[in-house]
Amino acid sequence: MKKTTKFIAVIALITLMFTGCSEVKDSIDSIKCLDELLKYYDYEGDLTCSEQISELQSLRNACPDTDEDGSIQELIDLTLAYCED
């Protein structure tokens, strides 16, 4: 009986550890995506309009959870509408 209890306790502990790590990793990934997105607001870099759009589309594809509200797509649309090389 004690072996079974210890085994269940170890399995529960391992499960809790990996579940917590997964949530932390997801949070870190979201922060990285948001940080990358902020670079494109008021962008004054050397990329052409086409390059900016390509970068934003790549970001949107890499960070689908970050774009739940459509903010990356909105920025792509604004870049398409107003960006001039």
PDB file of N, CA and C in Angstrom:
ATOM      1  N   MET A   1       0.819  -1.188   0.000  1.00  0.00           N
ATOM      2  CA  MET A   1       0.000   0.000   0.000  1.00  0.00           C
ATOM      3  C   MET A   1       0.866   1.255   0.000  1.00  0.00           C
ATOM      4  N   LYS A   2       1.966   1.246   0.780  1.00  0.00           N
ATOM      5  CA  LYS A   2       2.831   2.413   0.841  1.00  0.00           C
ATOM      6  C   LYS A   2       3.507   2.663  -0.503  1.00  0.00           C
ATOM      7  N   LYS A   3       3.865   1.594  -1.223  1.00  0.00           N
ATOM      8  CA  LYS A   3       4.496   1.741  -2.535  1.00  0.00           C
ATOM      9  C   LYS A   3       3.530   2.394  -3.515  1.00  0.00           C
ATOM     10  N   THR A   4       2.275   1.999  -3.467  1.00  0.00           N
ATOM     11  CA  THR A   4       1.267   2.567  -4.348  1.00  0.00           C
ATOM     12  C   THR A   4       1.070   4.043  -4.048  1.00  0.00           C
ATOM     13  N   THR A   5       1.029   4.406  -2.791  1.00  0.00           N
ATOM     14  CA  THR A   5       0.865   5.802  -2.392  1.00  0.00           C
ATOM     15  C   THR A   5       2.056   6.635  -2.840  1.00  0.00           C
ATOM     16  N   LYS A   6       3.256   6.103  -2.647  1.00  0.00           N
ATOM     17  CA  LYS A   6       4.456   6.825  -3.084  1.00  0.00           C
ATOM     18  C   LYS A   6       4.464   6.991  -4.594  1.00  0.00           C
ATOM     19  N   PHE A   7       4.078   5.937  -5.308  1.00  0.00           N
ATOM     20  CA  PHE A   7       4.052   5.990  -6.760  1.00  0.00           C
ATOM     21  C   PHE A   7       3.072   7.061  -7.247  1.00  0.00           C
ATOM     22  N   ILE A   8       1.891   7.088  -6.664  1.00  0.00           N
ATOM     23  CA  ILE A   8       0.879   8.086  -7.036  1.00  0.00           C
ATOM     24  C   ILE A   8       1.379   9.493  -6.714  1.00  0.00           C
ATOM     25  N   ALA A   9       2.028   9.654  -5.565  1.00  0.00           N
ATOM     26  CA  ALA A   9       2.568  10.962  -5.189  1.00  0.00           C
ATOM     27  C   ALA A   9       3.643  11.421  -6.168  1.00  0.00           C
ATOM     28  N   VAL A  10       4.517  10.529  -6.593  1.00  0.00           N
ATOM     29  CA  VAL A  10       5.576  10.875  -7.549  1.00  0.00           C
ATOM     30  C   VAL A  10       4.962  11.258  -8.894  1.00  0.00           C
ATOM     31  N   ILE A  11       3.992  10.494  -9.360  1.00  0.00           N
ATOM     32  CA  ILE A  11       3.327  10.796 -10.632  1.00  0.00           C
ATOM     33  C   ILE A  11       2.630  12.155 -10.551  1.00  0.00           C
ATOM     34  N   ALA A  12       1.968  12.430  -9.461  1.00  0.00           N
ATOM     35  CA  ALA A  12       1.284  13.713  -9.288  1.00  0.00           C
ATOM     36  C   ALA A  12       2.283  14.862  -9.279  1.00  0.00           C
ATOM     37  N   LEU A  13       3.398  14.688  -8.601  1.00  0.00           N
ATOM     38  CA  LEU A  13       4.428  15.724  -8.545  1.00  0.00           C
ATOM     39  C   LEU A  13       5.021  15.992  -9.924  1.00  0.00           C
ATOM     40  N   ILE A  14       5.324  14.933 -10.660  1.00  0.00           N
ATOM     41  CA  ILE A  14       5.873  15.085 -12.010  1.00  0.00           C
ATOM     42  C   ILE A  14       4.866  15.801 -12.916  1.00  0.00           C
ATOM     43  N   THR A  15       3.609  15.415 -12.817  1.00  0.00           N
ATOM     44  CA  THR A  15       2.565  16.053 -13.626  1.00  0.00           C
ATOM     45  C   THR A  15       2.462  17.544 -13.308  1.00  0.00           C
ATOM     46  N   LEU A  16       2.482  17.896 -12.041  1.00  0.00           N
ATOM     47  CA  LEU A  16       2.406  19.305 -11.646  1.00  0.00           C
ATOM     48  C   LEU A  16       3.613  20.086 -12.152  1.00  0.00           C
ATOM     49  N   MET A  17       4.787  19.478 -12.098  1.00  0.00           N
ATOM     50  CA  MET A  17       5.997  20.163 -12.557  1.00  0.00           C
ATOM     51  C   MET A  17       5.912  20.470 -14.049  1.00  0.00           C
ATOM     52  N   PHE A  18       5.512  19.491 -14.844  1.00  0.00           N
ATOM     53  CA  PHE A  18       5.466  19.702 -16.291  1.00  0.00           C
ATOM     54  C   PHE A  18       4.327  20.613 -16.699  1.00  0.00           C
ATOM     55  N   THR A  19       3.215  20.568 -16.001  1.00  0.00           N
ATOM     56  CA  THR A  19       2.106  21.463 -16.307  1.00  0.00           C
ATOM     57  C   THR A  19       2.515  22.902 -16.038  1.00  0.00           C
ATOM     58  N   GLY A  20       3.163  23.151 -14.935  1.00  0.00           N
ATOM     59  CA  GLY A  20       3.628  24.500 -14.611  1.00  0.00           C
ATOM     60  C   GLY A  20       4.660  24.992 -15.598  1.00  0.00           C
ATOM     61  N   CYS A  21       5.565  24.133 -16.025  1.00  0.00           N
ATOM     62  CA  CYS A  21       6.592  24.520 -16.994  1.00  0.00           C
ATOM     63  C   CYS A  21       5.966  24.889 -18.325  1.00  0.00           C
ATOM     64  N   SER A  22       4.958  24.172 -18.720  1.00  0.00           N
ATOM     65  CA  SER A  22       4.287  24.437 -19.988  1.00  0.00           C
ATOM     66  C   SER A  22       3.631  25.815 -19.971  1.00  0.00           C
ATOM     67  N   GLU A  23       2.982  26.152 -18.868  1.00  0.00           N
ATOM     68  CA  GLU A  23       2.330  27.456 -18.754  1.00  0.00           C
ATOM     69  C   GLU A  23       3.354  28.581 -18.746  1.00  0.00           C
ATOM     70  N   VAL A  24       4.471  28.376 -18.081  1.00  0.00           N
ATOM     71  CA  VAL A  24       5.527  29.385 -18.053  1.00  0.00           C
ATOM     72  C   VAL A  24       6.101  29.571 -19.454  1.00  0.00           C
ATOM     73  N   LYS A  25       6.346  28.472 -20.161  1.00  0.00           N
ATOM     74  CA  LYS A  25       6.873  28.558 -21.519  1.00  0.00           C
ATOM     75  C   LYS A  25       5.900  29.302 -22.427  1.00  0.00           C
ATOM     76  N   ASP A  26       4.611  29.023 -22.318  1.00  0.00           N
ATOM     77  CA  ASP A  26       3.608  29.716 -23.125  1.00  0.00           C
ATOM     78  C   ASP A  26       3.614  31.210 -22.832  1.00  0.00           C
ATOM     79  N   SER A  27       3.758  31.563 -21.565  1.00  0.00           N
ATOM     80  CA  SER A  27       3.803  32.980 -21.192  1.00  0.00           C
ATOM     81  C   SER A  27       5.035  33.675 -21.766  1.00  0.00           C
ATOM     82  N   ILE A  28       6.163  33.007 -21.691  1.00  0.00           N
ATOM     83  CA  ILE A  28       7.404  33.576 -22.237  1.00  0.00           C
ATOM     84  C   ILE A  28       7.280  33.748 -23.748  1.00  0.00           C
ATOM     85  N   ASP A  29       6.713  32.752 -24.430  1.00  0.00           N
ATOM     86  CA  ASP A  29       6.528  32.841 -25.874  1.00  0.00           C
ATOM     87  C   ASP A  29       5.610  34.010 -26.233  1.00  0.00           C
ATOM     88  N   SER A  30       4.554  34.211 -25.467  1.00  0.00           N
ATOM     89  CA  SER A  30       3.631  35.318 -25.725  1.00  0.00           C
ATOM     90  C   SER A  30       4.317  36.665 -25.536  1.00  0.00           C
ATOM     91  N   ILE A  31       5.138  36.767 -24.507  1.00  0.00           N
ATOM     92  CA  ILE A  31       5.863  38.017 -24.262  1.00  0.00           C
ATOM     93  C   ILE A  31       6.833  38.297 -25.405  1.00  0.00           C
ATOM     94  N   LYS A  32       7.518  37.267 -25.883  1.00  0.00           N
ATOM     95  CA  LYS A  32       8.440  37.439 -27.017  1.00  0.00           C
ATOM     96  C   LYS A  32       7.686  37.902 -28.254  1.00  0.00           C
ATOM     97  N   CYS A  33       6.524  37.323 -28.512  1.00  0.00           N
ATOM     98  CA  CYS A  33       5.723  37.720 -29.666  1.00  0.00           C
ATOM     99  C   CYS A  33       5.264  39.170 -29.548  1.00  0.00           C
ATOM    100  N   LEU A  34       4.805  39.550 -28.380  1.00  0.00           N
ATOM    101  CA  LEU A  34       4.368  40.933 -28.179  1.00  0.00           C
ATOM    102  C   LEU A  34       5.520  41.908 -28.322  1.00  0.00           C
ATOM    103  N   ASP A  35       6.677  41.537 -27.816  1.00  0.00           N
ATOM    104  CA  ASP A  35       7.861  42.376 -27.945  1.00  0.00           C
ATOM    105  C   ASP A  35       8.225  42.561 -29.416  1.00  0.00           C
ATOM    106  N   GLU A  36       8.164  41.478 -30.164  1.00  0.00           N
ATOM    107  CA  GLU A  36       8.460  41.550 -31.605  1.00  0.00           C
ATOM    108  C   GLU A  36       7.423  42.419 -32.319  1.00  0.00           C
ATOM    109  N   LEU A  37       6.174  42.300 -31.941  1.00  0.00           N
ATOM    110  CA  LEU A  37       5.107  43.090 -32.557  1.00  0.00           C
ATOM    111  C   LEU A  37       5.291  44.582 -32.299  1.00  0.00           C
ATOM    112  N   LEU A  38       5.716  44.938 -31.092  1.00  0.00           N
ATOM    113  CA  LEU A  38       5.899  46.348 -30.739  1.00  0.00           C
ATOM    114  C   LEU A  38       6.955  47.034 -31.606  1.00  0.00           C
ATOM    115  N   LYS A  39       7.875  46.263 -32.155  1.00  0.00           N
ATOM    116  CA  LYS A  39       8.902  46.841 -33.015  1.00  0.00           C
ATOM    117  C   LYS A  39       8.310  47.459 -34.283  1.00  0.00           C
ATOM    118  N   TYR A  40       7.130  46.988 -34.691  1.00  0.00           N
ATOM    119  CA  TYR A  40       6.548  47.436 -35.950  1.00  0.00           C
ATOM    120  C   TYR A  40       5.605  48.626 -35.799  1.00  0.00           C
ATOM    121  N   TYR A  41       5.256  48.990 -34.597  1.00  0.00           N
ATOM    122  CA  TYR A  41       4.470  50.198 -34.401  1.00  0.00           C
ATOM    123  C   TYR A  41       5.441  51.371 -34.488  1.00  0.00           C
ATOM    124  N   ASP A  42       5.088  52.375 -35.266  1.00  0.00           N
ATOM    125  CA  ASP A  42       5.967  53.524 -35.513  1.00  0.00           C
ATOM    126  C   ASP A  42       7.318  53.073 -36.047  1.00  0.00           C
ATOM    127  N   TYR A  43       7.291  52.115 -36.968  1.00  0.00           N
ATOM    128  CA  TYR A  43       8.513  51.549 -37.524  1.00  0.00           C
ATOM    129  C   TYR A  43       9.231  52.575 -38.384  1.00  0.00           C
ATOM    130  N   GLU A  44      10.505  52.774 -38.128  1.00  0.00           N
ATOM    131  CA  GLU A  44      11.324  53.694 -38.912  1.00  0.00           C
ATOM    132  C   GLU A  44      12.620  53.022 -39.351  1.00  0.00           C
ATOM    133  N   GLY A  45      12.555  51.737 -39.654  1.00  0.00           N
ATOM    134  CA  GLY A  45      13.752  50.978 -40.005  1.00  0.00           C
ATOM    135  C   GLY A  45      14.050  51.012 -41.490  1.00  0.00           C
ATOM    136  N   ASP A  46      14.904  50.105 -41.907  1.00  0.00           N
ATOM    137  CA  ASP A  46      15.382  50.062 -43.276  1.00  0.00           C
ATOM    138  C   ASP A  46      14.631  49.075 -44.164  1.00  0.00           C
ATOM    139  N   LEU A  47      13.611  48.421 -43.652  1.00  0.00           N
ATOM    140  CA  LEU A  47      12.885  47.443 -44.462  1.00  0.00           C
ATOM    141  C   LEU A  47      11.960  48.145 -45.449  1.00  0.00           C
ATOM    142  N   THR A  48      11.830  47.559 -46.635  1.00  0.00           N
ATOM    143  CA  THR A  48      10.850  48.071 -47.596  1.00  0.00           C
ATOM    144  C   THR A  48       9.455  47.680 -47.108  1.00  0.00           C
ATOM    145  N   CYS A  49       8.443  48.214 -47.752  1.00  0.00           N
ATOM    146  CA  CYS A  49       7.069  47.876 -47.376  1.00  0.00           C
ATOM    147  C   CYS A  49       6.818  46.374 -47.525  1.00  0.00           C
ATOM    148  N   SER A  50       7.279  45.811 -48.628  1.00  0.00           N
ATOM    149  CA  SER A  50       7.092  44.370 -48.863  1.00  0.00           C
ATOM    150  C   SER A  50       7.782  43.543 -47.792  1.00  0.00           C
ATOM    151  N   GLU A  51       8.969  43.969 -47.394  1.00  0.00           N
ATOM    152  CA  GLU A  51       9.702  43.250 -46.347  1.00  0.00           C
ATOM    153  C   GLU A  51       8.989  43.365 -45.003  1.00  0.00           C
ATOM    154  N   GLN A  52       8.452  44.551 -44.709  1.00  0.00           N
ATOM    155  CA  GLN A  52       7.705  44.727 -43.461  1.00  0.00           C
ATOM    156  C   GLN A  52       6.495  43.808 -43.431  1.00  0.00           C
ATOM    157  N   ILE A  53       5.764  43.767 -44.533  1.00  0.00           N
ATOM    158  CA  ILE A  53       4.567  42.924 -44.609  1.00  0.00           C
ATOM    159  C   ILE A  53       4.942  41.460 -44.462  1.00  0.00           C
ATOM    160  N   SER A  54       6.016  41.056 -45.121  1.00  0.00           N
ATOM    161  CA  SER A  54       6.478  39.671 -45.010  1.00  0.00           C
ATOM    162  C   SER A  54       6.855  39.330 -43.571  1.00  0.00           C
ATOM    163  N   GLU A  55       7.561  40.232 -42.903  1.00  0.00           N
ATOM    164  CA  GLU A  55       7.942  40.015 -41.502  1.00  0.00           C
ATOM    165  C   GLU A  55       6.708  39.913 -40.605  1.00  0.00           C
ATOM    166  N   LEU A  56       5.735  40.780 -40.842  1.00  0.00           N
ATOM    167  CA  LEU A  56       4.511  40.758 -40.034  1.00  0.00           C
ATOM    168  C   LEU A  56       3.708  39.481 -40.278  1.00  0.00           C
ATOM    169  N   GLN A  57       3.655  39.033 -41.518  1.00  0.00           N
ATOM    170  CA  GLN A  57       2.945  37.788 -41.807  1.00  0.00           C
ATOM    171  C   GLN A  57       3.641  36.598 -41.146  1.00  0.00           C
ATOM    172  N   SER A  58       4.949  36.604 -41.146  1.00  0.00           N
ATOM    173  CA  SER A  58       5.704  35.542 -40.465  1.00  0.00           C
ATOM    174  C   SER A  58       5.430  35.571 -38.967  1.00  0.00           C
ATOM    175  N   LEU A  59       5.391  36.777 -38.405  1.00  0.00           N
ATOM    176  CA  LEU A  59       5.096  36.923 -36.978  1.00  0.00           C
ATOM    177  C   LEU A  59       3.686  36.422 -36.668  1.00  0.00           C
ATOM    178  N   ARG A  60       2.727  36.777 -37.520  1.00  0.00           N
ATOM    179  CA  ARG A  60       1.347  36.330 -37.317  1.00  0.00           C
ATOM    180  C   ARG A  60       1.276  34.805 -37.342  1.00  0.00           C
ATOM    181  N   ASN A  61       1.996  34.175 -38.273  1.00  0.00           N
ATOM    182  CA  ASN A  61       1.983  32.713 -38.370  1.00  0.00           C
ATOM    183  C   ASN A  61       2.703  32.055 -37.195  1.00  0.00           C
ATOM    184  N   ALA A  62       3.759  32.698 -36.699  1.00  0.00           N
ATOM    185  CA  ALA A  62       4.531  32.139 -35.586  1.00  0.00           C
ATOM    186  C   ALA A  62       3.842  32.343 -34.240  1.00  0.00           C
ATOM    187  N   CYS A  63       2.971  33.337 -34.159  1.00  0.00           N
ATOM    188  CA  CYS A  63       2.346  33.707 -32.880  1.00  0.00           C
ATOM    189  C   CYS A  63       0.823  33.774 -33.000  1.00  0.00           C
ATOM    190  N   PRO A  64       0.169  32.689 -33.355  1.00  0.00           N
ATOM    191  CA  PRO A  64      -1.285  32.773 -33.537  1.00  0.00           C
ATOM    192  C   PRO A  64      -2.042  33.137 -32.264  1.00  0.00           C
ATOM    193  N   ASP A  65      -1.539  32.734 -31.103  1.00  0.00           N
ATOM    194  CA  ASP A  65      -2.234  33.064 -29.854  1.00  0.00           C
ATOM    195  C   ASP A  65      -2.156  34.558 -29.551  1.00  0.00           C
ATOM    196  N   THR A  66      -1.091  35.193 -29.987  1.00  0.00           N
ATOM    197  CA  THR A  66      -0.914  36.623 -29.751  1.00  0.00           C
ATOM    198  C   THR A  66      -1.862  37.432 -30.628  1.00  0.00           C
ATOM    199  N   ASP A  67      -2.250  36.885 -31.762  1.00  0.00           N
ATOM    200  CA  ASP A  67      -3.087  37.627 -32.712  1.00  0.00           C
ATOM    201  C   ASP A  67      -4.564  37.261 -32.616  1.00  0.00           C
ATOM    202  N   GLU A  68      -4.999  36.823 -31.457  1.00  0.00           N
ATOM    203  CA  GLU A  68      -6.410  36.471 -31.289  1.00  0.00           C
ATOM    204  C   GLU A  68      -7.324  37.663 -31.550  1.00  0.00           C
ATOM    205  N   ASP A  69      -6.845  38.866 -31.253  1.00  0.00           N
ATOM    206  CA  ASP A  69      -7.667  40.056 -31.456  1.00  0.00           C
ATOM    207  C   ASP A  69      -7.467  40.678 -32.840  1.00  0.00           C
ATOM    208  N   GLY A  70      -6.610  40.077 -33.662  1.00  0.00           N
ATOM    209  CA  GLY A  70      -6.396  40.575 -35.017  1.00  0.00           C
ATOM    210  C   GLY A  70      -5.462  41.760 -35.113  1.00  0.00           C
ATOM    211  N   SER A  71      -4.702  42.041 -34.065  1.00  0.00           N
ATOM    212  CA  SER A  71      -3.834  43.225 -34.071  1.00  0.00           C
ATOM    213  C   SER A  71      -2.721  43.129 -35.104  1.00  0.00           C
ATOM    214  N   ILE A  72      -2.179  41.942 -35.312  1.00  0.00           N
ATOM    215  CA  ILE A  72      -1.121  41.792 -36.309  1.00  0.00           C
ATOM    216  C   ILE A  72      -1.711  41.961 -37.702  1.00  0.00           C
ATOM    217  N   GLN A  73      -2.865  41.376 -37.951  1.00  0.00           N
ATOM    218  CA  GLN A  73      -3.506  41.529 -39.252  1.00  0.00           C
ATOM    219  C   GLN A  73      -3.872  42.990 -39.493  1.00  0.00           C
ATOM    220  N   GLU A  74      -4.321  43.679 -38.470  1.00  0.00           N
ATOM    221  CA  GLU A  74      -4.646  45.102 -38.604  1.00  0.00           C
ATOM    222  C   GLU A  74      -3.399  45.903 -38.991  1.00  0.00           C
ATOM    223  N   LEU A  75      -2.280  45.587 -38.386  1.00  0.00           N
ATOM    224  CA  LEU A  75      -1.034  46.269 -38.715  1.00  0.00           C
ATOM    225  C   LEU A  75      -0.602  45.941 -40.146  1.00  0.00           C
ATOM    226  N   ILE A  76      -0.811  44.711 -40.578  1.00  0.00           N
ATOM    227  CA  ILE A  76      -0.519  44.336 -41.971  1.00  0.00           C
ATOM    228  C   ILE A  76      -1.399  45.157 -42.914  1.00  0.00           C
ATOM    229  N   ASP A  77      -2.683  45.254 -42.598  1.00  0.00           N
ATOM    230  CA  ASP A  77      -3.606  46.009 -43.442  1.00  0.00           C
ATOM    231  C   ASP A  77      -3.219  47.490 -43.514  1.00  0.00           C
ATOM    232  N   LEU A  78      -2.841  48.077 -42.374  1.00  0.00           N
ATOM    233  CA  LEU A  78      -2.417  49.481 -42.359  1.00  0.00           C
ATOM    234  C   LEU A  78      -1.139  49.680 -43.166  1.00  0.00           C
ATOM    235  N   THR A  79      -0.224  48.731 -43.042  1.00  0.00           N
ATOM    236  CA  THR A  79       1.023  48.821 -43.806  1.00  0.00           C
ATOM    237  C   THR A  79       0.726  48.741 -45.295  1.00  0.00           C
ATOM    238  N   LEU A  80      -0.160  47.843 -45.680  1.00  0.00           N
ATOM    239  CA  LEU A  80      -0.535  47.743 -47.093  1.00  0.00           C
ATOM    240  C   LEU A  80      -1.172  49.041 -47.594  1.00  0.00           C
ATOM    241  N   ALA A  81      -1.993  49.660 -46.762  1.00  0.00           N
ATOM    242  CA  ALA A  81      -2.727  50.848 -47.180  1.00  0.00           C
ATOM    243  C   ALA A  81      -1.852  52.110 -47.242  1.00  0.00           C
ATOM    244  N   TYR A  82      -0.912  52.251 -46.301  1.00  0.00           N
ATOM    245  CA  TYR A  82      -0.217  53.527 -46.178  1.00  0.00           C
ATOM    246  C   TYR A  82       1.281  53.492 -46.436  1.00  0.00           C
ATOM    247  N   CYS A  83       1.862  52.343 -46.520  1.00  0.00           N
ATOM    248  CA  CYS A  83       3.308  52.269 -46.676  1.00  0.00           C
ATOM    249  C   CYS A  83       3.703  52.541 -48.129  1.00  0.00           C
ATOM    250  N   GLU A  84       4.693  53.379 -48.288  1.00  0.00           N
ATOM    251  CA  GLU A  84       5.219  53.685 -49.621  1.00  0.00           C
ATOM    252  C   GLU A  84       6.726  53.525 -49.583  1.00  0.00           C
ATOM    253  N   ASP A  85       7.269  52.817 -50.571  1.00  0.00           N
ATOM    254  CA  ASP A  85       8.723  52.646 -50.647  1.00  0.00           C
ATOM    255  C   ASP A  85       9.388  53.892 -51.180  1.00  0.00           C
TER     256      ASP A  85
END
